[in-house]
PDB file of N, CA and C in Angstrom:
ATOM      1  N   MET A   1      55.050  71.001  58.690  1.00  0.00           N
ATOM      2  CA  MET A   1      56.279  70.305  58.406  1.00  0.00           C
ATOM      3  C   MET A   1      55.942  68.829  58.198  1.00  0.00           C
ATOM      4  N   SER A   2      56.564  68.237  57.216  1.00  0.00           N
ATOM      5  CA  SER A   2      56.288  66.832  56.893  1.00  0.00           C
ATOM      6  C   SER A   2      56.961  65.903  57.899  1.00  0.00           C
ATOM      7  N   GLY A   3      56.524  64.654  57.890  1.00  0.00           N
ATOM      8  CA  GLY A   3      57.097  63.648  58.777  1.00  0.00           C
ATOM      9  C   GLY A   3      58.587  63.466  58.536  1.00  0.00           C
ATOM     10  N   THR A   4      58.999  63.498  57.291  1.00  0.00           N
ATOM     11  CA  THR A   4      60.422  63.335  56.950  1.00  0.00           C
ATOM     12  C   THR A   4      61.229  64.489  57.526  1.00  0.00           C
ATOM     13  N   ASN A   5      60.721  65.689  57.368  1.00  0.00           N
ATOM     14  CA  ASN A   5      61.416  66.870  57.894  1.00  0.00           C
ATOM     15  C   ASN A   5      61.476  66.840  59.420  1.00  0.00           C
ATOM     16  N   LEU A   6      60.394  66.423  60.052  1.00  0.00           N
ATOM     17  CA  LEU A   6      60.362  66.339  61.512  1.00  0.00           C
ATOM     18  C   LEU A   6      61.359  65.311  62.039  1.00  0.00           C
ATOM     19  N   ARG A   7      61.428  64.145  61.340  1.00  0.00           N
ATOM     20  CA  ARG A   7      62.396  63.114  61.758  1.00  0.00           C
ATOM     21  C   ARG A   7      63.826  63.623  61.594  1.00  0.00           C
ATOM     22  N   ALA A   8      64.087  64.319  60.512  1.00  0.00           N
ATOM     23  CA  ALA A   8      65.426  64.878  60.263  1.00  0.00           C
ATOM     24  C   ALA A   8      65.771  65.908  61.346  1.00  0.00           C
ATOM     25  N   ARG A   9      64.796  66.754  61.670  1.00  0.00           N
ATOM     26  CA  ARG A   9      65.031  67.776  62.711  1.00  0.00           C
ATOM     27  C   ARG A   9      65.258  67.121  64.065  1.00  0.00           C
ATOM     28  N   LEU A  10      64.494  66.086  64.372  1.00  0.00           N
ATOM     29  CA  LEU A  10      64.657  65.368  65.633  1.00  0.00           C
ATOM     30  C   LEU A  10      66.060  64.757  65.725  1.00  0.00           C
ATOM     31  N   THR A  11      66.520  64.152  64.636  1.00  0.00           N
ATOM     32  CA  THR A  11      67.872  63.576  64.606  1.00  0.00           C
ATOM     33  C   THR A  11      68.928  64.660  64.824  1.00  0.00           C
ATOM     34  N   GLU A  12      68.733  65.798  64.209  1.00  0.00           N
ATOM     35  CA  GLU A  12      69.660  66.921  64.355  1.00  0.00           C
ATOM     36  C   GLU A  12      69.700  67.409  65.808  1.00  0.00           C
ATOM     37  N   ILE A  13      68.539  67.526  66.421  1.00  0.00           N
ATOM     38  CA  ILE A  13      68.468  67.965  67.822  1.00  0.00           C
ATOM     39  C   ILE A  13      69.150  66.951  68.734  1.00  0.00           C
ATOM     40  N   GLN A  14      68.912  65.672  68.500  1.00  0.00           N
ATOM     41  CA  GLN A  14      69.528  64.629  69.314  1.00  0.00           C
ATOM     42  C   GLN A  14      71.049  64.654  69.189  1.00  0.00           C
ATOM     43  N   GLN A  15      71.548  64.913  67.990  1.00  0.00           N
ATOM     44  CA  GLN A  15      73.002  65.016  67.791  1.00  0.00           C
ATOM     45  C   GLN A  15      73.574  66.214  68.546  1.00  0.00           C
ATOM     46  N   GLN A  16      72.860  67.333  68.503  1.00  0.00           N
ATOM     47  CA  GLN A  16      73.309  68.521  69.232  1.00  0.00           C
ATOM     48  C   GLN A  16      73.327  68.261  70.741  1.00  0.00           C
ATOM     49  N   ILE A  17      72.300  67.567  71.216  1.00  0.00           N
ATOM     50  CA  ILE A  17      72.241  67.225  72.638  1.00  0.00           C
ATOM     51  C   ILE A  17      73.409  66.326  73.010  1.00  0.00           C
ATOM     52  N   SER A  18      73.711  65.333  72.182  1.00  0.00           N
ATOM     53  CA  SER A  18      74.839  64.433  72.450  1.00  0.00           C
ATOM     54  C   SER A  18      76.152  65.207  72.505  1.00  0.00           C
ATOM     55  N   THR A  19      76.330  66.140  71.583  1.00  0.00           N
ATOM     56  CA  THR A  19      77.547  66.959  71.553  1.00  0.00           C
ATOM     57  C   THR A  19      77.656  67.795  72.828  1.00  0.00           C
ATOM     58  N   LEU A  20      76.543  68.411  73.210  1.00  0.00           N
ATOM     59  CA  LEU A  20      76.548  69.234  74.415  1.00  0.00           C
ATOM     60  C   LEU A  20      76.779  68.401  75.674  1.00  0.00           C
ATOM     61  N   GLU A  21      76.203  67.202  75.722  1.00  0.00           N
ATOM     62  CA  GLU A  21      76.419  66.330  76.873  1.00  0.00           C
ATOM     63  C   GLU A  21      77.888  65.921  76.978  1.00  0.00           C
ATOM     64  N   ALA A  22      78.532  65.673  75.836  1.00  0.00           N
ATOM     65  CA  ALA A  22      79.954  65.331  75.841  1.00  0.00           C
ATOM     66  C   ALA A  22      80.780  66.519  76.344  1.00  0.00           C
ATOM     67  N   GLN A  23      80.412  67.719  75.920  1.00  0.00           N
ATOM     68  CA  GLN A  23      81.111  68.912  76.384  1.00  0.00           C
ATOM     69  C   GLN A  23      80.913  69.103  77.893  1.00  0.00           C
ATOM     70  N   MET A  24      79.694  68.858  78.359  1.00  0.00           N
ATOM     71  CA  MET A  24      79.412  68.971  79.795  1.00  0.00           C
ATOM     72  C   MET A  24      80.241  67.958  80.591  1.00  0.00           C
ATOM     73  N   ALA A  25      80.334  66.738  80.108  1.00  0.00           N
ATOM     74  CA  ALA A  25      81.118  65.714  80.801  1.00  0.00           C
ATOM     75  C   ALA A  25      82.584  66.125  80.866  1.00  0.00           C
ATOM     76  N   SER A  26      83.098  66.674  79.787  1.00  0.00           N
ATOM     77  CA  SER A  26      84.484  67.135  79.754  1.00  0.00           C
ATOM     78  C   SER A  26      84.696  68.280  80.742  1.00  0.00           C
ATOM     79  N   LEU A  27      83.769  69.221  80.761  1.00  0.00           N
ATOM     80  CA  LEU A  27      83.874  70.354  81.687  1.00  0.00           C
ATOM     81  C   LEU A  27      83.758  69.906  83.135  1.00  0.00           C
ATOM     82  N   ARG A  28      82.890  68.937  83.412  1.00  0.00           N
ATOM     83  CA  ARG A  28      82.756  68.435  84.791  1.00  0.00           C
ATOM     84  C   ARG A  28      84.053  67.767  85.241  1.00  0.00           C
ATOM     85  N   SER A  29      84.672  67.030  84.352  1.00  0.00           N
ATOM     86  CA  SER A  29      85.939  66.381  84.669  1.00  0.00           C
ATOM     87  C   SER A  29      87.018  67.429  84.951  1.00  0.00           C
ATOM     88  N   GLU A  30      87.071  68.451  84.122  1.00  0.00           N
ATOM     89  CA  GLU A  30      88.044  69.526  84.325  1.00  0.00           C
ATOM     90  C   GLU A  30      87.757  70.273  85.626  1.00  0.00           C
ATOM     91  N   GLU A  31      86.479  70.494  85.913  1.00  0.00           N
ATOM     92  CA  GLU A  31      86.080  71.176  87.149  1.00  0.00           C
ATOM     93  C   GLU A  31      86.565  70.391  88.365  1.00  0.00           C
ATOM     94  N   GLU A  32      86.394  69.080  88.348  1.00  0.00           N
ATOM     95  CA  GLU A  32      86.838  68.246  89.461  1.00  0.00           C
ATOM     96  C   GLU A  32      88.350  68.318  89.640  1.00  0.00           C
ATOM     97  N   ALA A  33      89.085  68.309  88.529  1.00  0.00           N
ATOM     98  CA  ALA A  33      90.546  68.382  88.602  1.00  0.00           C
ATOM     99  C   ALA A  33      90.990  69.721  89.191  1.00  0.00           C
ATOM    100  N   VAL A  34      90.377  70.806  88.757  1.00  0.00           N
ATOM    101  CA  VAL A  34      90.731  72.127  89.273  1.00  0.00           C
ATOM    102  C   VAL A  34      90.359  72.233  90.751  1.00  0.00           C
ATOM    103  N   ALA A  35      89.212  71.699  91.132  1.00  0.00           N
ATOM    104  CA  ALA A  35      88.790  71.725  92.534  1.00  0.00           C
ATOM    105  C   ALA A  35      89.761  70.937  93.411  1.00  0.00           C
ATOM    106  N   ARG A  36      90.255  69.804  92.924  1.00  0.00           N
ATOM    107  CA  ARG A  36      91.248  69.026  93.679  1.00  0.00           C
ATOM    108  C   ARG A  36      92.537  69.816  93.855  1.00  0.00           C
ATOM    109  N   GLU A  37      92.990  70.471  92.781  1.00  0.00           N
ATOM    110  CA  GLU A  37      94.207  71.282  92.874  1.00  0.00           C
ATOM    111  C   GLU A  37      94.019  72.431  93.850  1.00  0.00           C
ATOM    112  N   LEU A  38      92.858  73.072  93.795  1.00  0.00           N
ATOM    113  CA  LEU A  38      92.579  74.185  94.694  1.00  0.00           C
ATOM    114  C   LEU A  38      92.560  73.721  96.142  1.00  0.00           C
ATOM    115  N   ALA A  39      91.953  72.583  96.399  1.00  0.00           N
ATOM    116  CA  ALA A  39      91.882  72.048  97.758  1.00  0.00           C
ATOM    117  C   ALA A  39      93.269  71.694  98.290  1.00  0.00           C
ATOM    118  N   ALA A  40      94.193  71.377  97.398  1.00  0.00           N
ATOM    119  CA  ALA A  40      95.540  70.990  97.810  1.00  0.00           C
ATOM    120  C   ALA A  40      96.433  72.191  98.109  1.00  0.00           C
ATOM    121  N   LEU A  41      95.999  73.392  97.700  1.00  0.00           N
ATOM    122  CA  LEU A  41      96.812  74.580  97.961  1.00  0.00           C
ATOM    123  C   LEU A  41      96.891  74.851  99.457  1.00  0.00           C
ATOM    124  N   VAL A  42      98.063  75.266  99.889  1.00  0.00           N
ATOM    125  CA  VAL A  42      98.266  75.614 101.290  1.00  0.00           C
ATOM    126  C   VAL A  42      98.698  77.078 101.341  1.00  0.00           C
ATOM    127  N   TYR A  43      97.956  77.860 102.112  1.00  0.00           N
ATOM    128  CA  TYR A  43      98.305  79.263 102.301  1.00  0.00           C
ATOM    129  C   TYR A  43      99.020  79.370 103.641  1.00  0.00           C
ATOM    130  N   PRO A  44     100.314  79.670 103.649  1.00  0.00           N
ATOM    131  CA  PRO A  44     101.071  79.705 104.907  1.00  0.00           C
ATOM    132  C   PRO A  44     100.456  80.602 105.980  1.00  0.00           C
ATOM    133  N   VAL A  45      99.837  81.700 105.581  1.00  0.00           N
ATOM    134  CA  VAL A  45      99.250  82.597 106.574  1.00  0.00           C
ATOM    135  C   VAL A  45      98.129  81.906 107.340  1.00  0.00           C
ATOM    136  N   LEU A  46      97.484  80.943 106.729  1.00  0.00           N
ATOM    137  CA  LEU A  46      96.403  80.233 107.408  1.00  0.00           C
ATOM    138  C   LEU A  46      96.909  79.199 108.406  1.00  0.00           C
ATOM    139  N   THR A  47      98.220  78.957 108.407  1.00  0.00           N
ATOM    140  CA  THR A  47      98.788  77.997 109.350  1.00  0.00           C
ATOM    141  C   THR A  47      99.362  78.671 110.591  1.00  0.00           C
ATOM    142  N   LEU A  48      99.283  80.013 110.649  1.00  0.00           N
ATOM    143  CA  LEU A  48      99.785  80.724 111.828  1.00  0.00           C
ATOM    144  C   LEU A  48      98.933  80.377 113.048  1.00  0.00           C
ATOM    145  N   PRO A  49      99.574  80.279 114.216  1.00  0.00           N
ATOM    146  CA  PRO A  49      98.795  80.031 115.440  1.00  0.00           C
ATOM    147  C   PRO A  49      97.843  81.198 115.702  1.00  0.00           C
ATOM    148  N   ASN A  50      96.722  80.906 116.337  1.00  0.00           N
ATOM    149  CA  ASN A  50      95.708  81.924 116.595  1.00  0.00           C
ATOM    150  C   ASN A  50      96.237  83.100 117.403  1.00  0.00           C
ATOM    151  N   ASP A  51      97.131  82.842 118.385  1.00  0.00           N
ATOM    152  CA  ASP A  51      97.641  83.946 119.190  1.00  0.00           C
ATOM    153  C   ASP A  51      98.494  84.901 118.360  1.00  0.00           C
ATOM    154  N   VAL A  52      99.202  84.380 117.363  1.00  0.00           N
ATOM    155  CA  VAL A  52      99.985  85.240 116.468  1.00  0.00           C
ATOM    156  C   VAL A  52      99.055  86.072 115.583  1.00  0.00           C
ATOM    157  N   VAL A  53      98.028  85.427 115.057  1.00  0.00           N
ATOM    158  CA  VAL A  53      97.052  86.141 114.233  1.00  0.00           C
ATOM    159  C   VAL A  53      96.365  87.230 115.055  1.00  0.00           C
ATOM    160  N   SER A  54      96.007  86.917 116.297  1.00  0.00           N
ATOM    161  CA  SER A  54      95.376  87.907 117.174  1.00  0.00           C
ATOM    162  C   SER A  54      96.274  89.118 117.360  1.00  0.00           C
ATOM    163  N   GLU A  55      97.547  88.875 117.615  1.00  0.00           N
ATOM    164  CA  GLU A  55      98.481  89.992 117.823  1.00  0.00           C
ATOM    165  C   GLU A  55      98.640  90.829 116.554  1.00  0.00           C
ATOM    166  N   ILE A  56      98.652  90.188 115.407  1.00  0.00           N
ATOM    167  CA  ILE A  56      98.711  90.924 114.133  1.00  0.00           C
ATOM    168  C   ILE A  56      97.470  91.798 113.992  1.00  0.00           C
ATOM    169  N   PHE A  57      96.307  91.241 114.302  1.00  0.00           N
ATOM    170  CA  PHE A  57      95.066  92.005 114.228  1.00  0.00           C
ATOM    171  C   PHE A  57      95.111  93.214 115.158  1.00  0.00           C
ATOM    172  N   ILE A  58      95.560  93.001 116.393  1.00  0.00           N
ATOM    173  CA  ILE A  58      95.610  94.084 117.377  1.00  0.00           C
ATOM    174  C   ILE A  58      96.547  95.188 116.900  1.00  0.00           C
ATOM    175  N   GLN A  59      97.726  94.798 116.427  1.00  0.00           N
ATOM    176  CA  GLN A  59      98.685  95.794 115.932  1.00  0.00           C
ATOM    177  C   GLN A  59      98.105  96.567 114.751  1.00  0.00           C
ATOM    178  N   TYR A  60      97.392  95.885 113.901  1.00  0.00           N
ATOM    179  CA  TYR A  60      96.788  96.540 112.737  1.00  0.00           C
ATOM    180  C   TYR A  60      95.693  97.522 113.166  1.00  0.00           C
ATOM    181  N   VAL A  61      94.754  97.042 113.959  1.00  0.00           N
ATOM    182  CA  VAL A  61      93.608  97.873 114.335  1.00  0.00           C
ATOM    183  C   VAL A  61      94.039  99.073 115.170  1.00  0.00           C
ATOM    184  N   HIS A  62      94.965  98.875 116.101  1.00  0.00           N
ATOM    185  CA  HIS A  62      95.375  99.978 116.962  1.00  0.00           C
ATOM    186  C   HIS A  62      96.488 100.819 116.335  1.00  0.00           C
ATOM    187  N   GLY A  63      97.017 100.385 115.218  1.00  0.00           N
ATOM    188  CA  GLY A  63      98.081 101.141 114.567  1.00  0.00           C
ATOM    189  C   GLY A  63      97.621 101.970 113.388  1.00  0.00           C
ATOM    190  N   VAL A  64      96.445 101.693 112.894  1.00  0.00           N
ATOM    191  CA  VAL A  64      95.921 102.414 111.734  1.00  0.00           C
ATOM    192  C   VAL A  64      94.734 103.252 112.196  1.00  0.00           C
ATOM    193  N   PRO A  65      94.812 104.589 112.035  1.00  0.00           N
ATOM    194  CA  PRO A  65      93.690 105.430 112.487  1.00  0.00           C
ATOM    195  C   PRO A  65      92.386 105.061 111.787  1.00  0.00           C
ATOM    196  N   LYS A  66      91.310 105.163 112.542  1.00  0.00           N
ATOM    197  CA  LYS A  66      89.956 104.928 112.043  1.00  0.00           C
ATOM    198  C   LYS A  66      89.789 103.552 111.406  1.00  0.00           C
ATOM    199  N   THR A  67      90.379 102.552 112.022  1.00  0.00           N
ATOM    200  CA  THR A  67      90.253 101.185 111.522  1.00  0.00           C
ATOM    201  C   THR A  67      89.345 100.399 112.452  1.00  0.00           C
ATOM    202  N   SER A  68      88.381  99.753 111.894  1.00  0.00           N
ATOM    203  CA  SER A  68      87.448  98.938 112.672  1.00  0.00           C
ATOM    204  C   SER A  68      87.829  97.468 112.553  1.00  0.00           C
ATOM    205  N   PRO A  69      87.703  96.714 113.644  1.00  0.00           N
ATOM    206  CA  PRO A  69      87.988  95.276 113.563  1.00  0.00           C
ATOM    207  C   PRO A  69      86.961  94.508 112.743  1.00  0.00           C
ATOM    208  N   LEU A  70      85.860  95.155 112.382  1.00  0.00           N
ATOM    209  CA  LEU A  70      84.841  94.457 111.597  1.00  0.00           C
ATOM    210  C   LEU A  70      85.392  93.966 110.267  1.00  0.00           C
ATOM    211  N   GLY A  71      86.363  94.670 109.721  1.00  0.00           N
ATOM    212  CA  GLY A  71      86.970  94.262 108.456  1.00  0.00           C
ATOM    213  C   GLY A  71      87.757  92.967 108.564  1.00  0.00           C
ATOM    214  N   LEU A  72      88.055  92.553 109.779  1.00  0.00           N
ATOM    215  CA  LEU A  72      88.829  91.328 109.992  1.00  0.00           C
ATOM    216  C   LEU A  72      87.952  90.088 110.092  1.00  0.00           C
ATOM    217  N   LEU A  73      86.649  90.279 110.071  1.00  0.00           N
ATOM    218  CA  LEU A  73      85.735  89.143 110.210  1.00  0.00           C
ATOM    219  C   LEU A  73      85.560  88.455 108.873  1.00  0.00           C
ATOM    220  N   TRP A  74      86.626  87.924 108.379  1.00  0.00           N
ATOM    221  CA  TRP A  74      86.664  87.318 107.061  1.00  0.00           C
ATOM    222  C   TRP A  74      86.903  85.831 107.194  1.00  0.00           C
ATOM    223  N   ARG A  75      86.031  85.043 106.702  1.00  0.00           N
ATOM    224  CA  ARG A  75      86.106  83.585 106.611  1.00  0.00           C
ATOM    225  C   ARG A  75      86.845  82.912 107.756  1.00  0.00           C
ATOM    226  N   SER A  76      88.029  82.366 107.456  1.00  0.00           N
ATOM    227  CA  SER A  76      88.722  81.535 108.435  1.00  0.00           C
ATOM    228  C   SER A  76      89.262  82.334 109.614  1.00  0.00           C
ATOM    229  N   TRP A  77      89.359  83.661 109.511  1.00  0.00           N
ATOM    230  CA  TRP A  77      89.859  84.462 110.622  1.00  0.00           C
ATOM    231  C   TRP A  77      88.742  84.959 111.521  1.00  0.00           C
ATOM    232  N   ARG A  78      87.519  84.708 111.157  1.00  0.00           N
ATOM    233  CA  ARG A  78      86.373  85.210 111.924  1.00  0.00           C
ATOM    234  C   ARG A  78      86.450  84.779 113.390  1.00  0.00           C
ATOM    235  N   GLU A  79      86.681  83.492 113.639  1.00  0.00           N
ATOM    236  CA  GLU A  79      86.705  82.995 115.011  1.00  0.00           C
ATOM    237  C   GLU A  79      87.828  83.631 115.814  1.00  0.00           C
ATOM    238  N   VAL A  80      89.003  83.791 115.183  1.00  0.00           N
ATOM    239  CA  VAL A  80      90.133  84.402 115.879  1.00  0.00           C
ATOM    240  C   VAL A  80      89.809  85.855 116.213  1.00  0.00           C
ATOM    241  N   ALA A  81      89.271  86.597 115.246  1.00  0.00           N
ATOM    242  CA  ALA A  81      88.947  88.009 115.479  1.00  0.00           C
ATOM    243  C   ALA A  81      87.895  88.153 116.573  1.00  0.00           C
ATOM    244  N   LEU A  82      86.865  87.338 116.531  1.00  0.00           N
ATOM    245  CA  LEU A  82      85.812  87.435 117.540  1.00  0.00           C
ATOM    246  C   LEU A  82      86.316  87.050 118.929  1.00  0.00           C
ATOM    247  N   ALA A  83      87.287  86.147 118.999  1.00  0.00           N
ATOM    248  CA  ALA A  83      87.815  85.691 120.287  1.00  0.00           C
ATOM    249  C   ALA A  83      88.895  86.613 120.838  1.00  0.00           C
ATOM    250  N   THR A  84      89.336  87.597 120.072  1.00  0.00           N
ATOM    251  CA  THR A  84      90.387  88.515 120.505  1.00  0.00           C
ATOM    252  C   THR A  84      89.738  89.751 121.125  1.00  0.00           C
ATOM    253  N   CYS A  85      89.565  89.715 122.438  1.00  0.00           N
ATOM    254  CA  CYS A  85      88.844  90.779 123.148  1.00  0.00           C
ATOM    255  C   CYS A  85      89.467  92.150 122.938  1.00  0.00           C
ATOM    256  N   ARG A  86      90.785  92.225 122.864  1.00  0.00           N
ATOM    257  CA  ARG A  86      91.447  93.528 122.727  1.00  0.00           C
ATOM    258  C   ARG A  86      91.103  94.220 121.412  1.00  0.00           C
ATOM    259  N   LEU A  87      90.605  93.474 120.432  1.00  0.00           N
ATOM    260  CA  LEU A  87      90.191  94.108 119.176  1.00  0.00           C
ATOM    261  C   LEU A  87      88.940  94.941 119.357  1.00  0.00           C
ATOM    262  N   TRP A  88      88.139  94.600 120.333  1.00  0.00           N
ATOM    263  CA  TRP A  88      86.813  95.183 120.464  1.00  0.00           C
ATOM    264  C   TRP A  88      86.745  96.263 121.535  1.00  0.00           C
ATOM    265  N   THR A  89      87.890  96.923 121.797  1.00  0.00           N
ATOM    266  CA  THR A  89      87.911  98.017 122.772  1.00  0.00           C
ATOM    267  C   THR A  89      87.606  99.359 122.120  1.00  0.00           C
ATOM    268  N   ARG A  90      87.558  99.406 120.813  1.00  0.00           N
ATOM    269  CA  ARG A  90      87.217 100.630 120.086  1.00  0.00           C
ATOM    270  C   ARG A  90      86.041 100.327 119.186  1.00  0.00           C
ATOM    271  N   PHE A  91      85.124 101.256 119.117  1.00  0.00           N
ATOM    272  CA  PHE A  91      83.977 101.080 118.239  1.00  0.00           C
ATOM    273  C   PHE A  91      83.760 102.357 117.447  1.00  0.00           C
ATOM    274  N   TRP A  92      83.180 102.179 116.302  1.00  0.00           N
ATOM    275  CA  TRP A  92      82.897 103.318 115.443  1.00  0.00           C
ATOM    276  C   TRP A  92      81.393 103.405 115.253  1.00  0.00           C
ATOM    277  N   ARG A  93      80.898 104.616 115.220  1.00  0.00           N
ATOM    278  CA  ARG A  93      79.504 104.805 114.864  1.00  0.00           C
ATOM    279  C   ARG A  93      79.486 105.613 113.573  1.00  0.00           C
ATOM    280  N   PHE A  94      78.456 105.454 112.816  1.00  0.00           N
ATOM    281  CA  PHE A  94      78.347 106.144 111.544  1.00  0.00           C
ATOM    282  C   PHE A  94      77.130 107.053 111.598  1.00  0.00           C
ATOM    283  N   ASP A  95      77.367 108.344 111.343  1.00  0.00           N
ATOM    284  CA  ASP A  95      76.244 109.268 111.387  1.00  0.00           C
ATOM    285  C   ASP A  95      75.522 109.291 110.046  1.00  0.00           C
ATOM    286  N   ASP A  96      74.528 110.154 109.941  1.00  0.00           N
ATOM    287  CA  ASP A  96      73.708 110.207 108.733  1.00  0.00           C
ATOM    288  C   ASP A  96      74.502 110.556 107.483  1.00  0.00           C
ATOM    289  N   LYS A  97      75.625 111.230 107.648  1.00  0.00           N
ATOM    290  CA  LYS A  97      76.420 111.641 106.495  1.00  0.00           C
ATOM    291  C   LYS A  97      77.527 110.632 106.194  1.00  0.00           C
ATOM    292  N   LEU A  98      77.414 109.445 106.796  1.00  0.00           N
ATOM    293  CA  LEU A  98      78.357 108.342 106.583  1.00  0.00           C
ATOM    294  C   LEU A  98      79.779 108.695 106.988  1.00  0.00           C
ATOM    295  N   ARG A  99      79.906 109.577 107.972  1.00  0.00           N
ATOM    296  CA  ARG A  99      81.225 109.866 108.527  1.00  0.00           C
ATOM    297  C   ARG A  99      81.357 109.087 109.822  1.00  0.00           C
ATOM    298  N   SER A 100      82.481 108.430 109.990  1.00  0.00           N
ATOM    299  CA  SER A 100      82.644 107.617 111.191  1.00  0.00           C
ATOM    300  C   SER A 100      83.304 108.440 112.291  1.00  0.00           C
ATOM    301  N   HIS A 101      82.995 108.089 113.527  1.00  0.00           N
ATOM    302  CA  HIS A 101      83.561 108.764 114.688  1.00  0.00           C
ATOM    303  C   HIS A 101      83.947 107.711 115.699  1.00  0.00           C
ATOM    304  N   LEU A 102      85.126 107.881 116.267  1.00  0.00           N
ATOM    305  CA  LEU A 102      85.554 106.989 117.330  1.00  0.00           C
ATOM    306  C   LEU A 102      84.771 107.347 118.582  1.00  0.00           C
ATOM    307  N   ILE A 103      84.111 106.367 119.198  1.00  0.00           N
ATOM    308  CA  ILE A 103      83.305 106.669 120.374  1.00  0.00           C
ATOM    309  C   ILE A 103      83.848 106.028 121.635  1.00  0.00           C
ATOM    310  N   ALA A 104      84.778 105.100 121.517  1.00  0.00           N
ATOM    311  CA  ALA A 104      85.362 104.502 122.719  1.00  0.00           C
ATOM    312  C   ALA A 104      86.739 103.990 122.381  1.00  0.00           C
ATOM    313  N   ASP A 105      87.677 104.208 123.300  1.00  0.00           N
ATOM    314  CA  ASP A 105      89.016 103.663 123.125  1.00  0.00           C
ATOM    315  C   ASP A 105      89.582 103.403 124.496  1.00  0.00           C
ATOM    316  N   ASN A 106      89.485 102.157 124.934  1.00  0.00           N
ATOM    317  CA  ASN A 106      89.986 101.775 126.252  1.00  0.00           C
ATOM    318  C   ASN A 106      91.365 101.160 126.164  1.00  0.00           C
ATOM    319  N   GLN A 107      91.914 101.015 124.974  1.00  0.00           N
ATOM    320  CA  GLN A 107      93.203 100.351 124.778  1.00  0.00           C
ATOM    321  C   GLN A 107      94.177 101.352 124.197  1.00  0.00           C
ATOM    322  N   THR A 108      95.383 101.380 124.705  1.00  0.00           N
ATOM    323  CA  THR A 108      96.409 102.252 124.133  1.00  0.00           C
ATOM    324  C   THR A 108      97.380 101.466 123.320  1.00  0.00           C
TER     325      THR A 108
END
């Protein structure tokens, strides 16, 4: 490739890079705006007192057959679930055929 062709190609590449950088800057700005909006969202269920959440968990786990409290260990509720002793009165074991069996139930 000749020097003229190489210079032309270099200019073309630099223009493409500039265009892509402008698009990236625009996307970063939009990303920040969306992240701010997301951070401002309030989920009312997350404002419930821990004792209310614990009671909901207990009613759910002891009211639904073959339900394990392990499913409640989700993000912001993890600490509440782990601190709710009554949730952990039943345990499930899984045999080789992936069938679960209740092995302890000290709570009615």
